[in-house]
Amino acid sequence: VDLPITQAGVAVPAIGPLSGTFNTIVGESFSLSIPTTNAPVTYVVTGALPPGLTITQATGIISGVPTTPGTYALKVKASNAAGAATATGATTQPNLEFSIVVDKLPLGSVGTFHGYVARSASAKFTTEPNLGARFELTAQSNGTCSGSVTEGATKKSFTGAKLVSRSGTPSTHTLTAALTGTTLFIDITLDPATSTASGILRNASGLSSAAITAWLTNPLNSSGVLIKATDYKNPLNTFRIENTDTANGPQGFGFGSFTVAEATRALVISGKLPDGSALTGSTFLGANNEVLIYQSLNSNRASCFGKLTVTAGSNKPLDNSIAGTLTWLKPASLPAVKDTVYAAGFGQTTPLTLDVKGGSFNAPAKGGRLLGALDQADNAQLIF
């Protein structure tokens, strides 16, 4: 008896059904299988695949991590030694036509983030414990990230790391990167809804870690243009700094000031801490009007850092207010250092908490009265 035998790879291939639109987002792992019978076949794709995606001939799977947003219209054909795929009914097609739509990263997850790393005795890369660190991260529109952690005066960087995205409402965006020249890693989650970043600095095992708090400093509008700091421009912003621990550390007040540039949101901080130490730094007004303070002190053995928030008033920017909290630590001075100001240190067990309050300062016209002082007798007092 003669029986016909059809061997896979000899019969004409059939592909499908597959049509419509398939959605993903920059940085998300993507996989789409081309339904195929009578393999092996050779696939030919007409139209450019999204950058970052490829088709594997052996499996018929389009996969990868897309890096460029856009709508990509594709046509896929298949053939083998027996010929090209043809329509064989309602479930198969001579070629497949469909689109892959790659959404761009949301605005709140693209740009430069500034913030700080919490104090830690073990998740650190300098010899001094509990210094904390300044944190910076730049996330590009293709998901590539770079940044740095600055502990005291020592700066360690990370480059070439990629955001791992998950589409949805809301989408999620995470990052793991190794700090160059250390055994430490950062794990970060970007929250586009709040334009913030949070995570940890950790060792390889994850047993030692320190929290990271950061915020976007160059927010963009829907047209991709930097949002100007119109409600926070020009007036000198001044604030006082008070140690909330009345029994430990320097008493009295420190002070500081900054002016926000409307076009760039840039600002430079200048002032003094309650012991007379200089308070300086540069940053940008955050998307939610945050201001980073990170000051390395006492030959990079001490530090003071935290976050201030500027709140717009009803007559903004003339009546804006400032509030925030800093922490301050200073170890005992080294024997070779002739330190006569709090040589024993303070805040080593529990860092001091500094309360910060202030607002816009509007200089009076020439001949005017400072701070709205009333024109009456005894409107100034000096007490010893």
Protein backbone atom coordinates (compact mmCIF):
# COMPACT_ATOMS: atom_id res chain seq x y z
CA VAL A 1 0.00 0.00 0.00
CA ASP A 2 1.40 3.39 -0.92
CA LEU A 3 0.72 6.12 1.65
CA PRO A 4 1.54 9.81 1.05
CA ILE A 5 3.87 11.29 3.70
CA THR A 6 4.21 15.06 4.26
CA GLN A 7 7.38 16.03 6.11
CA ALA A 8 7.64 19.27 8.08
CA GLY A 9 9.92 21.67 6.31
CA VAL A 10 8.94 20.27 2.90
CA ALA A 11 5.30 21.33 2.88
CA VAL A 12 4.55 24.98 2.16
CA PRO A 13 4.50 26.91 5.48
CA ALA A 14 1.42 28.53 6.92
CA ILE A 15 1.53 31.56 9.23
CA GLY A 16 -1.12 33.29 11.29
CA PRO A 17 -3.50 34.36 12.45
CA LEU A 18 -1.86 37.56 13.71
CA SER A 19 -2.97 41.15 13.19
CA GLY A 20 -3.69 44.40 15.00
CA THR A 21 -1.52 46.47 17.32
CA PHE A 22 0.85 45.30 20.04
CA ASN A 23 1.80 47.84 22.68
CA THR A 24 4.90 48.18 24.81
CA ILE A 25 7.04 50.93 26.34
CA VAL A 26 10.69 51.97 26.16
CA GLY A 27 12.70 49.69 28.45
CA GLU A 28 10.12 46.90 28.67
CA SER A 29 11.01 43.33 27.74
CA PHE A 30 8.92 42.46 24.66
CA SER A 31 8.16 39.13 23.00
CA LEU A 32 5.79 38.27 20.13
CA SER A 33 5.62 34.83 18.50
CA ILE A 34 4.71 34.43 14.81
CA PRO A 35 2.27 31.47 14.58
CA THR A 36 3.93 29.09 12.10
CA THR A 37 3.44 25.55 10.83
CA ASN A 38 5.73 23.47 8.63
CA ALA A 39 8.93 24.94 9.99
CA PRO A 40 11.78 25.49 9.53
CA VAL A 41 11.10 28.62 7.53
CA THR A 42 12.80 31.87 6.62
CA TYR A 43 11.05 35.02 7.77
CA VAL A 44 11.26 38.30 5.89
CA VAL A 45 10.16 41.46 7.70
CA THR A 46 9.13 44.46 5.63
CA GLY A 47 9.25 47.69 7.61
CA ALA A 48 11.73 48.57 10.34
CA LEU A 49 11.46 46.73 13.63
CA PRO A 50 11.61 49.02 16.67
CA PRO A 51 15.26 49.62 17.66
CA GLY A 52 16.16 47.04 20.26
CA LEU A 53 13.92 44.29 18.79
CA THR A 54 14.99 41.46 16.48
CA ILE A 55 13.34 38.39 14.95
CA THR A 56 14.89 34.98 15.64
CA GLN A 57 14.72 32.86 12.47
CA ALA A 58 14.80 29.56 14.34
CA THR A 59 11.74 30.33 16.46
CA GLY A 60 9.82 33.10 14.73
CA ILE A 61 9.86 35.21 17.88
CA ILE A 62 10.24 39.00 17.78
CA SER A 63 11.85 39.99 21.06
CA GLY A 64 14.14 42.41 22.85
CA VAL A 65 13.91 45.69 24.75
CA PRO A 66 12.75 48.69 22.67
CA THR A 67 14.69 51.92 23.03
CA THR A 68 12.88 54.33 20.70
CA PRO A 69 9.20 55.32 20.90
CA GLY A 70 7.02 55.26 17.80
CA THR A 71 4.52 53.25 15.73
CA TYR A 72 6.15 50.56 13.62
CA ALA A 73 4.03 49.05 10.81
CA LEU A 74 5.34 45.61 9.85
CA LYS A 75 4.68 42.90 7.28
CA VAL A 76 6.05 39.40 7.81
CA LYS A 77 6.35 36.73 5.11
CA ALA A 78 7.56 33.16 5.49
CA SER A 79 8.95 30.61 3.05
CA ASN A 80 10.85 27.33 2.93
CA ALA A 81 12.11 24.92 0.30
CA ALA A 82 8.54 24.13 -0.75
CA GLY A 83 7.65 27.76 -1.37
CA ALA A 84 6.11 30.82 0.25
CA ALA A 85 3.27 30.79 2.71
CA THR A 86 -0.15 31.10 1.14
CA ALA A 87 -3.66 31.63 2.42
CA THR A 88 -5.08 28.23 3.44
CA GLY A 89 -8.28 29.35 5.06
CA ALA A 90 -9.62 31.75 7.66
CA THR A 91 -6.82 31.02 10.13
CA THR A 92 -3.74 31.51 7.96
CA GLN A 93 -2.50 34.27 5.70
CA PRO A 94 0.09 34.65 2.92
CA ASN A 95 1.67 37.39 5.03
CA LEU A 96 1.02 39.02 8.35
CA GLU A 97 0.44 42.75 8.76
CA PHE A 98 0.49 44.31 12.23
CA SER A 99 1.97 47.20 14.19
CA ILE A 100 4.13 47.48 17.29
CA VAL A 101 3.57 50.69 19.24
CA VAL A 102 6.38 51.69 21.60
CA ASP A 103 5.27 54.32 24.10
CA LYS A 104 7.80 56.87 25.33
CA LEU A 105 8.84 57.01 28.95
CA PRO A 106 6.50 59.29 30.94
CA LEU A 107 7.73 62.79 31.67
CA GLY A 108 8.19 62.24 35.40
CA SER A 109 10.74 59.50 34.77
CA VAL A 110 13.05 61.32 32.34
CA GLY A 111 15.58 63.95 33.38
CA THR A 112 17.97 64.68 36.23
CA PHE A 113 17.19 63.72 39.81
CA HIS A 114 18.92 65.18 42.89
CA GLY A 115 18.67 63.82 46.41
CA TYR A 116 20.56 62.14 49.22
CA VAL A 117 21.55 58.78 50.66
CA ALA A 118 20.68 58.23 54.31
CA ARG A 119 23.40 57.83 56.91
CA SER A 120 24.76 54.30 57.33
CA ALA A 121 27.61 52.74 59.27
CA SER A 122 28.07 50.00 56.67
CA ALA A 123 26.52 50.91 53.27
CA LYS A 124 29.29 53.38 52.44
CA PHE A 125 32.58 53.63 50.53
CA THR A 126 34.69 56.03 52.64
CA THR A 127 36.33 55.36 55.99
CA GLU A 128 33.98 57.66 57.86
CA PRO A 129 30.69 56.14 59.09
CA ASN A 130 27.28 57.79 58.82
CA LEU A 131 28.26 60.63 56.45
CA GLY A 132 25.34 60.06 54.13
CA ALA A 133 25.83 61.17 50.54
CA ARG A 134 24.60 63.38 47.73
CA PHE A 135 22.81 61.41 45.00
CA GLU A 136 22.39 62.35 41.34
CA LEU A 137 20.74 60.39 38.52
CA THR A 138 20.11 61.27 34.87
CA ALA A 139 17.57 59.12 33.00
CA GLN A 140 17.50 59.58 29.21
CA SER A 141 14.48 59.10 26.96
CA ASN A 142 15.90 55.78 25.66
CA GLY A 143 16.12 54.39 29.21
CA THR A 144 19.90 54.76 29.58
CA CYS A 145 20.90 56.06 33.01
CA SER A 146 24.02 57.49 34.63
CA GLY A 147 24.76 59.25 37.87
CA SER A 148 26.86 59.51 40.98
CA VAL A 149 26.99 59.19 44.74
CA THR A 150 29.19 61.73 46.55
CA GLU A 151 30.15 60.83 50.11
CA GLY A 152 32.04 63.69 51.72
CA ALA A 153 34.40 64.71 48.92
CA THR A 154 34.60 61.24 47.33
CA LYS A 155 32.49 60.74 44.22
CA LYS A 156 31.63 57.36 42.71
CA SER A 157 29.75 57.03 39.43
CA PHE A 158 27.59 54.62 37.46
CA THR A 159 27.05 54.67 33.70
CA GLY A 160 25.27 52.74 30.97
CA ALA A 161 22.61 51.27 33.25
CA LYS A 162 19.19 50.64 31.72
CA LEU A 163 15.74 51.30 33.12
CA VAL A 164 13.54 48.22 33.29
CA SER A 165 10.02 49.37 32.49
CA ARG A 166 6.60 47.75 32.88
CA SER A 167 3.71 49.19 30.92
CA GLY A 168 0.40 49.73 32.65
CA THR A 169 -1.45 52.36 34.64
CA PRO A 170 0.72 53.48 36.20
CA SER A 171 3.85 52.23 34.46
CA THR A 172 6.83 51.28 36.63
CA HIS A 173 10.51 51.96 36.03
CA THR A 174 13.36 50.39 37.98
CA LEU A 175 17.14 50.47 37.81
CA THR A 176 20.01 48.48 39.29
CA ALA A 177 23.56 49.74 38.80
CA ALA A 178 27.01 49.07 40.22
CA LEU A 179 29.01 51.97 41.63
CA THR A 180 32.38 52.09 39.88
CA GLY A 181 35.33 51.40 42.17
CA THR A 182 33.19 49.99 44.98
CA THR A 183 31.38 46.79 45.91
CA LEU A 184 28.12 48.69 46.22
CA PHE A 185 24.98 48.80 44.07
CA ILE A 186 21.99 51.11 43.77
CA ASP A 187 18.42 49.90 43.34
CA ILE A 188 16.09 52.72 42.26
CA THR A 189 12.41 53.01 41.40
CA LEU A 190 11.22 56.07 39.47
CA ASP A 191 7.67 57.25 40.12
CA PRO A 192 6.51 59.35 37.15
CA ALA A 193 3.27 60.31 38.93
CA THR A 194 5.20 62.19 41.64
CA SER A 195 8.44 62.93 39.72
CA THR A 196 10.43 61.26 42.47
CA ALA A 197 12.96 58.44 42.85
CA SER A 198 13.45 56.15 45.81
CA GLY A 199 15.53 53.10 46.57
CA ILE A 200 18.64 51.92 48.36
CA LEU A 201 22.42 51.91 48.24
CA ARG A 202 23.44 48.35 49.20
CA ASN A 203 26.22 45.82 49.29
CA ALA A 204 26.15 42.73 47.04
CA SER A 205 24.25 40.62 49.57
CA GLY A 206 21.76 43.35 50.39
CA LEU A 207 22.38 42.89 54.11
CA SER A 208 23.72 46.44 54.42
CA SER A 209 21.72 49.25 52.86
CA ALA A 210 20.87 52.94 53.11
CA ALA A 211 17.73 54.61 51.78
CA ILE A 212 17.89 56.94 48.77
CA THR A 213 15.48 59.87 48.41
CA ALA A 214 15.53 61.99 45.25
CA TRP A 215 13.36 64.18 43.03
CA LEU A 216 13.26 65.42 39.43
CA THR A 217 14.96 68.80 38.98
CA ASN A 218 14.14 69.59 35.34
CA PRO A 219 10.41 68.90 34.86
CA LEU A 220 9.09 69.19 31.32
CA ASN A 221 5.67 70.15 30.00
CA SER A 222 3.74 68.05 27.47
CA SER A 223 5.70 69.72 24.64
CA GLY A 224 8.99 68.63 26.17
CA VAL A 225 9.96 72.15 27.29
CA LEU A 226 11.42 72.87 30.73
CA ILE A 227 8.82 74.29 33.11
CA LYS A 228 10.04 77.70 34.25
CA ALA A 229 10.18 78.58 37.92
CA THR A 230 7.98 81.64 37.42
CA ASP A 231 6.28 81.37 40.82
CA TYR A 232 9.64 81.16 42.61
CA LYS A 233 11.91 83.56 40.73
CA ASN A 234 13.91 86.65 41.69
CA PRO A 235 13.18 87.37 45.38
CA LEU A 236 15.93 86.41 47.78
CA ASN A 237 14.76 83.37 49.74
CA THR A 238 16.09 83.40 53.28
CA PHE A 239 15.77 80.88 56.09
CA ARG A 240 16.88 80.27 59.65
CA ILE A 241 18.30 76.97 60.91
CA GLU A 242 17.60 75.85 64.50
CA ASN A 243 18.88 72.85 66.43
CA THR A 244 15.82 71.17 67.94
CA ASP A 245 17.92 69.43 70.63
CA THR A 246 18.31 72.01 73.37
CA ALA A 247 20.68 69.82 75.37
CA ASN A 248 23.20 68.76 72.72
CA GLY A 249 25.24 70.38 69.99
CA PRO A 250 25.42 74.02 68.92
CA GLN A 251 22.52 76.13 70.14
CA GLY A 252 21.17 79.31 68.61
CA PHE A 253 20.52 79.73 64.93
CA GLY A 254 22.16 79.37 61.55
CA PHE A 255 20.92 80.98 58.37
CA GLY A 256 20.94 80.64 54.62
CA SER A 257 19.64 82.08 51.37
CA PHE A 258 19.22 81.38 47.68
CA THR A 259 17.64 82.89 44.56
CA VAL A 260 15.94 80.73 41.93
CA ALA A 261 16.68 81.42 38.24
CA GLU A 262 13.35 81.42 36.41
CA ALA A 263 14.55 79.99 33.10
CA THR A 264 16.73 77.15 34.43
CA ARG A 265 15.41 76.55 37.98
CA ALA A 266 19.05 76.74 39.14
CA LEU A 267 19.95 78.03 42.60
CA VAL A 268 23.04 78.49 44.77
CA ILE A 269 22.81 78.17 48.55
CA SER A 270 24.90 80.29 50.90
CA GLY A 271 24.81 80.56 54.66
CA LYS A 272 26.12 79.42 58.06
CA LEU A 273 25.24 76.58 60.40
CA PRO A 274 24.68 77.31 64.11
CA ASP A 275 28.38 76.69 64.90
CA GLY A 276 29.53 79.10 62.21
CA SER A 277 30.42 76.43 59.64
CA ALA A 278 29.85 77.43 56.04
CA LEU A 279 26.71 76.18 54.29
CA THR A 280 27.07 76.20 50.51
CA GLY A 281 25.86 74.22 47.53
CA SER A 282 24.21 74.32 44.14
CA THR A 283 21.19 72.46 42.82
CA PHE A 284 17.89 73.10 41.02
CA LEU A 285 14.38 73.69 42.26
CA GLY A 286 12.67 70.30 42.04
CA ALA A 287 9.45 69.42 40.25
CA ASN A 288 7.61 69.69 43.58
CA ASN A 289 9.72 72.70 44.65
CA GLU A 290 12.29 70.69 46.60
CA VAL A 291 15.75 72.05 47.42
CA LEU A 292 18.66 69.73 48.22
CA ILE A 293 21.07 70.58 51.03
CA TYR A 294 24.23 68.48 51.28
CA GLN A 295 27.22 69.99 53.06
CA SER A 296 30.44 68.10 53.80
CA LEU A 297 32.16 69.52 56.86
CA ASN A 298 35.30 69.29 59.01
CA SER A 299 37.68 67.90 56.38
CA ASN A 300 34.95 65.59 55.06
CA ARG A 301 34.47 63.84 58.40
CA ALA A 302 31.13 65.46 59.17
CA SER A 303 28.02 66.37 57.20
CA CYS A 304 24.72 68.19 57.26
CA PHE A 305 22.01 67.37 54.72
CA GLY A 306 18.29 67.14 54.01
CA LYS A 307 15.48 68.62 51.95
CA LEU A 308 13.73 72.00 51.96
CA THR A 309 10.42 72.70 50.24
CA VAL A 310 9.33 76.07 48.88
CA THR A 311 5.58 76.73 49.00
CA ALA A 312 4.04 79.42 46.82
CA GLY A 313 1.96 82.06 48.59
CA SER A 314 -1.12 83.89 47.42
CA ASN A 315 1.08 86.74 46.16
CA LYS A 316 3.79 84.46 44.73
CA PRO A 317 6.71 84.78 44.54
CA LEU A 318 6.72 87.68 47.02
CA ASP A 319 5.21 85.74 49.93
CA ASN A 320 6.53 82.23 49.39
CA SER A 321 7.53 80.17 52.42
CA ILE A 322 10.32 77.66 53.08
CA ALA A 323 10.31 74.70 55.45
CA GLY A 324 12.36 71.55 55.90
CA THR A 325 14.51 69.35 58.08
CA LEU A 326 18.25 68.68 58.07
CA THR A 327 20.37 66.21 60.04
CA TRP A 328 23.81 67.11 61.36
CA LEU A 329 26.65 64.96 62.65
CA LYS A 330 30.22 65.73 63.69
CA PRO A 331 32.67 63.14 65.09
CA ALA A 332 35.25 64.01 67.71
CA SER A 333 38.20 65.92 66.29
CA LEU A 334 41.39 64.02 65.50
CA PRO A 335 44.32 64.64 67.90
CA ALA A 336 46.34 66.37 65.20
CA VAL A 337 43.53 68.79 64.41
CA LYS A 338 43.37 71.96 66.47
CA ASP A 339 39.60 72.20 66.52
CA THR A 340 38.32 74.48 69.27
CA VAL A 341 34.68 74.47 68.19
CA TYR A 342 32.82 71.45 69.57
CA ALA A 343 36.00 69.34 69.47
CA ALA A 344 34.19 66.45 71.18
CA GLY A 345 31.72 66.34 68.33
CA PHE A 346 27.97 65.84 68.47
CA GLY A 347 25.21 63.75 66.93
CA GLN A 348 27.38 60.63 66.75
CA THR A 349 24.79 58.33 68.30
CA THR A 350 21.76 60.19 66.99
CA PRO A 351 22.39 62.99 64.47
CA LEU A 352 21.02 66.38 65.45
CA THR A 353 17.76 67.44 63.81
CA LEU A 354 17.73 70.96 62.43
CA ASP A 355 14.44 72.75 61.79
CA VAL A 356 14.46 75.12 58.84
CA LYS A 357 11.92 77.88 58.24
CA GLY A 358 11.93 80.97 56.07
CA GLY A 359 10.52 82.62 52.98
CA SER A 360 10.84 85.37 50.39
CA PHE A 361 12.72 88.48 51.41
CA ASN A 362 11.71 91.60 49.56
CA ALA A 363 14.21 94.40 49.96
CA PRO A 364 12.55 97.72 50.80
CA ALA A 365 12.95 100.73 48.59
CA LYS A 366 15.71 103.17 49.47
CA GLY A 367 14.78 104.86 52.73
CA GLY A 368 12.11 102.26 53.47
CA ARG A 369 11.75 100.17 56.65
CA LEU A 370 13.17 96.66 56.93
CA LEU A 371 10.77 93.75 57.37
CA GLY A 372 7.77 96.07 57.58
CA ALA A 373 8.80 97.57 60.92
CA LEU A 374 6.20 100.05 62.17
CA ASP A 375 7.00 103.75 62.14
CA GLN A 376 6.73 104.29 65.89
CA ALA A 377 8.84 104.58 68.99
CA ASP A 378 10.54 101.49 70.40
CA ASN A 379 10.26 99.52 67.18
CA ALA A 380 13.72 98.00 67.71
CA GLN A 381 15.27 96.39 70.75
CA LEU A 382 18.72 95.06 71.64
CA ILE A 383 18.90 92.86 74.74
CA PHE A 384 22.01 91.45 76.43
